[in-house]
Amino acid sequence: MTEFIGIAGVGELFGISKWITVPFSILILTLIASLGSYRRVEKVGIILGLFELTFIIGIAMVHPDVDSIIDGMKNIPIYDSSYVYLIAANVGAVIMPWMIFYQQSAVVDKGLKKHMIRKEQTDTMVGTFITQGIMIGFIVLFAATVFNQHIQVNENTVGDLVNSTGRYIGMDAAKAIMGSSILGGALVAAIVVVLAGTWGMTEVLDWKHSLNERINSSNLGFYGMYFLVLVVSGGLVLFNEKLVSIAIMVEVINALMVPIVLGFLLELERKALPNSYRMKGMYKKIVIILSLIVMVFGIYMVIPVLNL
């Protein structure tokens, strides 16, 4: 739903109704999944994801002050409750349960073997730094523009983001840069999210579930589930006006799910994996500590959002 909200917002920037962009996106995402090969789907996803990097052009245009960035890193307001909540919100929103579901299913669909585990770990680490680098880049972009002047604005929609950056780099440039970046990110994330949910549900139901075959009678349940998730999610976006509230609700659900998912994952690692593949020593302690921190932040994020 949150990805369709982003797609709808980008369309509205250019005067295109969400009743056109959302159904068209459902069609495109369905066609991508029907390519009959996980590798092809992955390549399309990477190409779409590359459009996220257009925000780098925006950073180059605003020329952020390096000294201000360094000063901001030195002066972290850790005792400010609003800032702590911001940290918790980022942790709770970024480390999502469906990421774990997606990766385990993707490893199977890729056909990876035991000797490829180290390469997959490297792949995960590189991806982690890239995604966090993109997030940091967006923060720098907005810190160097609208928030540098302490302008009181609500950055709730794609239009708000464009209007804010448009004051500094021009509206046309802001539309092109922010639109392509958000659209690319939303489409690739939609592929990942829907596949994660579809793989998870069809595994539980013990249905055939693989992208490596085109649609046929034996995998109709898998592709039907994929399409159903798209249609239901798109429909909820089309028939609701409070899109920001929906996005917040989804993040709250994600935050609530993270402790459950990470907790079960740690338990599975302890009981289900062969001893030779289990975590050991200092590495195990670090993973458990970081997982506990993520769980606490995930739960903490929910409290202010729900006004508890």
Protein backbone atom coordinates (compact mmCIF):
# COMPACT_ATOMS: atom_id res chain seq x y z
CA MET A 1 0.00 0.00 0.00
CA THR A 2 2.76 2.44 0.89
CA GLU A 3 4.43 1.85 -2.47
CA PHE A 4 1.17 2.52 -4.34
CA ILE A 5 0.77 5.69 -2.28
CA GLY A 6 4.18 6.84 -3.54
CA ILE A 7 3.31 5.93 -7.14
CA ALA A 8 -0.02 7.76 -6.88
CA GLY A 9 1.76 10.83 -5.48
CA VAL A 10 4.27 10.91 -8.34
CA GLY A 11 1.47 10.64 -10.90
CA GLU A 12 -0.43 13.51 -9.33
CA LEU A 13 2.70 15.67 -9.66
CA PHE A 14 2.23 15.49 -13.41
CA GLY A 15 -1.56 15.75 -13.36
CA ILE A 16 -2.21 12.01 -13.76
CA SER A 17 -4.97 10.57 -11.59
CA LYS A 18 -4.23 7.70 -9.22
CA TRP A 19 -7.06 5.86 -11.00
CA ILE A 20 -4.67 5.60 -13.93
CA THR A 21 -1.26 5.20 -12.24
CA VAL A 22 -2.24 2.55 -9.68
CA PRO A 23 -4.03 0.14 -12.10
CA PHE A 24 -1.24 0.63 -14.65
CA SER A 25 1.34 -0.18 -11.97
CA ILE A 26 -0.57 -3.35 -11.06
CA LEU A 27 -0.44 -4.39 -14.71
CA ILE A 28 3.31 -3.68 -14.98
CA LEU A 29 4.11 -5.50 -11.74
CA THR A 30 2.06 -8.50 -12.86
CA LEU A 31 3.89 -8.64 -16.19
CA ILE A 32 7.28 -8.42 -14.45
CA ALA A 33 6.45 -11.40 -12.22
CA SER A 34 5.30 -13.37 -15.26
CA LEU A 35 8.71 -13.34 -16.97
CA GLY A 36 9.28 -16.97 -16.01
CA SER A 37 12.68 -16.41 -14.40
CA TYR A 38 13.76 -15.10 -11.01
CA ARG A 39 16.95 -13.74 -12.58
CA ARG A 40 14.95 -11.66 -15.07
CA VAL A 41 12.71 -10.29 -12.33
CA GLU A 42 15.80 -9.41 -10.30
CA LYS A 43 17.41 -7.59 -13.23
CA VAL A 44 14.24 -5.56 -13.86
CA GLY A 45 14.10 -4.71 -10.16
CA ILE A 46 17.71 -3.50 -10.17
CA ILE A 47 17.09 -1.33 -13.24
CA LEU A 48 14.04 0.25 -11.61
CA GLY A 49 15.94 0.72 -8.36
CA LEU A 50 18.68 2.65 -10.14
CA PHE A 51 16.21 5.49 -10.72
CA GLU A 52 16.37 6.13 -6.97
CA LEU A 53 19.88 7.45 -7.50
CA THR A 54 18.61 10.49 -9.41
CA PHE A 55 18.38 12.29 -6.07
CA ILE A 56 22.19 12.56 -6.25
CA ILE A 57 21.66 15.17 -8.99
CA GLY A 58 19.59 17.14 -6.50
CA ILE A 59 22.37 17.00 -3.92
CA ALA A 60 24.85 18.28 -6.50
CA MET A 61 22.51 21.17 -7.35
CA VAL A 62 22.02 22.35 -3.75
CA HIS A 63 25.71 22.07 -2.78
CA PRO A 64 25.31 20.97 0.87
CA ASP A 65 27.76 22.51 3.31
CA VAL A 66 30.25 19.82 4.38
CA ASP A 67 31.12 21.69 7.60
CA SER A 68 27.46 21.72 8.60
CA ILE A 69 27.20 17.98 7.98
CA ILE A 70 30.26 17.29 10.14
CA ASP A 71 28.96 19.64 12.85
CA GLY A 72 25.60 17.87 12.81
CA MET A 73 27.30 14.51 13.28
CA LYS A 74 29.22 15.85 16.26
CA ASN A 75 26.19 17.41 17.95
CA ILE A 76 23.63 14.64 18.21
CA PRO A 77 20.71 15.67 20.48
CA ILE A 78 20.43 12.27 22.09
CA TYR A 79 18.57 13.72 25.10
CA ASP A 80 15.85 15.25 22.90
CA SER A 81 12.81 12.93 23.06
CA SER A 82 11.75 13.95 19.54
CA TYR A 83 15.14 12.98 18.17
CA VAL A 84 15.09 9.62 19.98
CA TYR A 85 11.66 8.99 18.49
CA LEU A 86 13.06 9.83 15.04
CA ILE A 87 15.80 7.21 15.53
CA ALA A 88 13.23 4.65 16.68
CA ALA A 89 10.96 5.44 13.75
CA ASN A 90 13.79 4.95 11.27
CA VAL A 91 14.84 1.65 12.81
CA GLY A 92 11.26 0.42 13.06
CA ALA A 93 10.43 1.48 9.51
CA VAL A 94 13.62 0.37 7.78
CA ILE A 95 14.21 -3.07 9.28
CA MET A 96 10.97 -4.69 8.16
CA PRO A 97 9.80 -8.28 8.66
CA TRP A 98 9.10 -8.87 4.97
CA MET A 99 12.77 -8.26 4.16
CA ILE A 100 13.65 -11.43 6.04
CA PHE A 101 10.87 -13.41 4.33
CA TYR A 102 11.96 -12.15 0.93
CA GLN A 103 15.62 -13.00 1.34
CA GLN A 104 15.09 -16.59 2.47
CA SER A 105 12.68 -17.26 -0.41
CA ALA A 106 14.91 -15.46 -2.94
CA VAL A 107 17.88 -17.60 -1.91
CA VAL A 108 15.84 -20.70 -2.73
CA ASP A 109 14.49 -19.31 -6.03
CA LYS A 110 18.00 -18.25 -7.08
CA GLY A 111 19.09 -21.85 -6.65
CA LEU A 112 22.04 -20.90 -4.43
CA LYS A 113 24.21 -23.71 -3.04
CA LYS A 114 26.00 -24.06 0.29
CA HIS A 115 29.31 -22.91 -1.14
CA MET A 116 27.65 -19.62 -2.18
CA ILE A 117 26.72 -18.58 1.38
CA ARG A 118 29.72 -16.26 1.71
CA LYS A 119 28.86 -14.50 -1.57
CA GLU A 120 25.25 -14.08 -0.43
CA GLN A 121 26.44 -12.55 2.85
CA THR A 122 28.64 -10.13 0.91
CA ASP A 123 25.69 -9.31 -1.36
CA THR A 124 23.55 -8.54 1.70
CA MET A 125 26.24 -6.35 3.26
CA VAL A 126 26.76 -4.34 0.07
CA GLY A 127 23.01 -3.88 -0.33
CA THR A 128 22.75 -2.70 3.27
CA PHE A 129 25.33 0.04 2.74
CA ILE A 130 23.74 1.12 -0.55
CA THR A 131 20.22 1.42 0.89
CA GLN A 132 21.40 3.28 3.98
CA GLY A 133 23.53 5.53 1.78
CA ILE A 134 20.40 6.44 -0.18
CA MET A 135 18.55 7.28 3.04
CA ILE A 136 21.44 9.43 4.27
CA GLY A 137 21.52 11.17 0.89
CA PHE A 138 17.85 12.13 1.15
CA ILE A 139 18.40 13.45 4.68
CA VAL A 140 21.34 15.56 3.49
CA LEU A 141 19.30 16.87 0.55
CA PHE A 142 16.45 18.12 2.75
CA ALA A 143 18.72 19.26 5.57
CA ALA A 144 20.62 21.42 3.07
CA THR A 145 17.45 22.99 1.70
CA VAL A 146 14.14 23.46 3.49
CA PHE A 147 15.20 22.45 7.00
CA ASN A 148 18.36 24.53 6.82
CA GLN A 149 16.14 27.62 6.94
CA HIS A 150 13.88 26.18 9.68
CA ILE A 151 10.83 26.65 7.48
CA GLN A 152 7.69 25.22 9.11
CA VAL A 153 6.33 22.78 6.54
CA ASN A 154 4.70 19.38 6.57
CA GLU A 155 6.60 16.85 4.44
CA ASN A 156 3.69 14.42 4.22
CA THR A 157 3.23 13.91 0.49
CA VAL A 158 5.29 13.69 -2.68
CA GLY A 159 3.95 17.12 -3.61
CA ASP A 160 5.22 18.57 -0.31
CA LEU A 161 8.69 17.15 -0.95
CA VAL A 162 8.79 18.59 -4.46
CA ASN A 163 7.51 22.02 -3.38
CA SER A 164 10.18 22.22 -0.68
CA THR A 165 13.10 21.30 -2.93
CA GLY A 166 11.63 23.29 -5.83
CA ARG A 167 12.36 26.55 -3.98
CA TYR A 168 16.06 25.81 -4.31
CA ILE A 169 16.53 23.92 -7.58
CA GLY A 170 13.42 24.92 -9.53
CA MET A 171 10.08 23.15 -9.76
CA ASP A 172 10.76 21.37 -13.04
CA ALA A 173 14.05 19.94 -11.79
CA ALA A 174 12.47 19.00 -8.45
CA LYS A 175 9.60 17.18 -10.18
CA ALA A 176 11.96 15.24 -12.44
CA ILE A 177 14.44 14.34 -9.70
CA MET A 178 12.05 13.55 -6.86
CA GLY A 179 9.47 11.96 -9.16
CA SER A 180 11.89 9.51 -10.79
CA SER A 181 13.59 8.72 -7.49
CA ILE A 182 10.39 7.99 -5.59
CA LEU A 183 8.81 6.13 -8.51
CA GLY A 184 11.87 3.90 -8.97
CA GLY A 185 12.05 3.14 -5.26
CA ALA A 186 8.33 2.47 -5.01
CA LEU A 187 8.25 0.05 -7.96
CA VAL A 188 11.24 -2.02 -6.87
CA ALA A 189 9.97 -2.09 -3.27
CA ALA A 190 6.53 -3.17 -4.50
CA ILE A 191 8.10 -6.15 -6.29
CA VAL A 192 9.96 -7.16 -3.13
CA VAL A 193 7.04 -6.65 -0.75
CA VAL A 194 4.45 -8.47 -2.86
CA LEU A 195 6.79 -11.36 -3.60
CA ALA A 196 7.71 -11.65 0.07
CA GLY A 197 4.04 -11.88 1.07
CA THR A 198 3.16 -14.23 -1.76
CA TRP A 199 6.10 -16.55 -1.09
CA GLY A 200 5.28 -16.56 2.63
CA MET A 201 1.60 -17.36 2.22
CA THR A 202 2.06 -20.01 -0.46
CA GLU A 203 4.81 -21.71 1.57
CA VAL A 204 2.43 -21.96 4.53
CA LEU A 205 -0.27 -23.36 2.24
CA ASP A 206 2.28 -25.76 0.69
CA TRP A 207 1.55 -24.50 -2.81
CA LYS A 208 4.10 -24.50 -5.61
CA HIS A 209 5.85 -21.15 -5.43
CA SER A 210 8.59 -20.12 -7.82
CA LEU A 211 9.23 -17.37 -10.36
CA ASN A 212 11.21 -19.78 -12.51
CA GLU A 213 8.13 -21.04 -14.34
CA ARG A 214 5.63 -19.14 -16.41
CA ILE A 215 1.98 -19.26 -15.39
CA ASN A 216 0.48 -22.74 -15.72
CA SER A 217 -2.08 -24.90 -13.94
CA SER A 218 0.42 -26.11 -11.32
CA ASN A 219 1.46 -22.65 -10.09
CA LEU A 220 -1.80 -20.79 -10.65
CA GLY A 221 -2.23 -20.40 -6.89
CA PHE A 222 1.12 -18.63 -6.53
CA TYR A 223 0.52 -16.14 -9.34
CA GLY A 224 -3.11 -15.72 -8.30
CA MET A 225 -2.01 -14.83 -4.77
CA TYR A 226 0.54 -12.35 -6.15
CA PHE A 227 -2.11 -10.63 -8.28
CA LEU A 228 -4.65 -10.66 -5.42
CA VAL A 229 -2.22 -8.87 -3.08
CA LEU A 230 -1.63 -6.20 -5.73
CA VAL A 231 -5.34 -5.69 -6.41
CA VAL A 232 -6.34 -5.52 -2.74
CA SER A 233 -3.49 -3.12 -1.88
CA GLY A 234 -4.15 -0.95 -4.91
CA GLY A 235 -7.88 -0.92 -4.18
CA LEU A 236 -7.34 0.27 -0.62
CA VAL A 237 -5.26 3.16 -1.96
CA LEU A 238 -7.79 4.04 -4.67
CA PHE A 239 -10.79 4.09 -2.37
CA ASN A 240 -9.18 5.99 0.51
CA GLU A 241 -8.26 9.64 0.71
CA LYS A 242 -6.26 9.54 3.97
CA LEU A 243 -3.18 8.04 2.34
CA VAL A 244 -0.70 9.42 4.88
CA SER A 245 -2.66 7.85 7.74
CA ILE A 246 -2.63 4.52 5.90
CA ALA A 247 1.15 4.72 5.45
CA ILE A 248 1.65 5.44 9.15
CA MET A 249 -0.63 2.55 10.09
CA VAL A 250 1.41 0.18 7.91
CA GLU A 251 4.66 1.31 9.55
CA VAL A 252 3.14 0.72 12.99
CA ILE A 253 2.16 -2.82 11.96
CA ASN A 254 5.70 -3.38 10.65
CA ALA A 255 7.18 -2.13 13.92
CA LEU A 256 4.95 -4.49 15.91
CA MET A 257 5.92 -7.42 13.71
CA VAL A 258 9.70 -6.88 13.90
CA PRO A 259 10.17 -8.18 17.49
CA ILE A 260 8.10 -11.26 16.64
CA VAL A 261 9.93 -12.01 13.42
CA LEU A 262 13.45 -11.38 14.78
CA GLY A 263 12.63 -13.34 17.94
CA PHE A 264 11.49 -16.38 15.96
CA LEU A 265 14.45 -16.01 13.60
CA LEU A 266 16.92 -16.17 16.49
CA GLU A 267 15.08 -19.17 17.90
CA LEU A 268 15.11 -20.92 14.51
CA GLU A 269 18.83 -20.26 14.18
CA ARG A 270 19.38 -21.88 17.57
CA LYS A 271 17.23 -24.95 16.92
CA ALA A 272 16.77 -25.55 13.20
CA LEU A 273 20.16 -24.85 11.63
CA PRO A 274 22.86 -27.55 11.55
CA ASN A 275 25.50 -26.83 14.18
CA SER A 276 28.15 -25.99 11.57
CA TYR A 277 26.03 -23.07 10.29
CA ARG A 278 25.00 -21.60 13.65
CA MET A 279 26.36 -18.30 14.93
CA LYS A 280 29.25 -18.56 17.34
CA GLY A 281 31.37 -16.47 19.67
CA MET A 282 31.47 -12.69 19.52
CA TYR A 283 29.55 -12.61 16.22
CA LYS A 284 26.58 -14.32 17.88
CA LYS A 285 26.63 -11.88 20.80
CA ILE A 286 26.74 -8.87 18.49
CA VAL A 287 23.83 -10.16 16.37
CA ILE A 288 21.69 -10.86 19.46
CA ILE A 289 22.43 -7.43 20.98
CA LEU A 290 21.64 -5.61 17.72
CA SER A 291 18.46 -7.64 17.27
CA LEU A 292 17.33 -6.73 20.79
CA ILE A 293 18.00 -3.03 20.11
CA VAL A 294 15.95 -3.21 16.91
CA MET A 295 13.11 -4.96 18.77
CA VAL A 296 13.06 -2.27 21.49
CA PHE A 297 13.07 0.57 18.94
CA GLY A 298 10.34 -1.14 16.95
CA ILE A 299 8.09 -1.34 20.00
CA TYR A 300 9.01 2.16 21.22
CA MET A 301 8.03 3.68 17.87
CA VAL A 302 4.46 2.44 18.27
CA ILE A 303 3.83 4.19 21.60
CA PRO A 304 4.01 7.84 20.42
CA VAL A 305 2.22 7.11 17.13
CA LEU A 306 -0.74 5.58 18.96
CA ASN A 307 -0.62 8.29 21.67
CA LEU A 308 -0.26 5.70 24.42
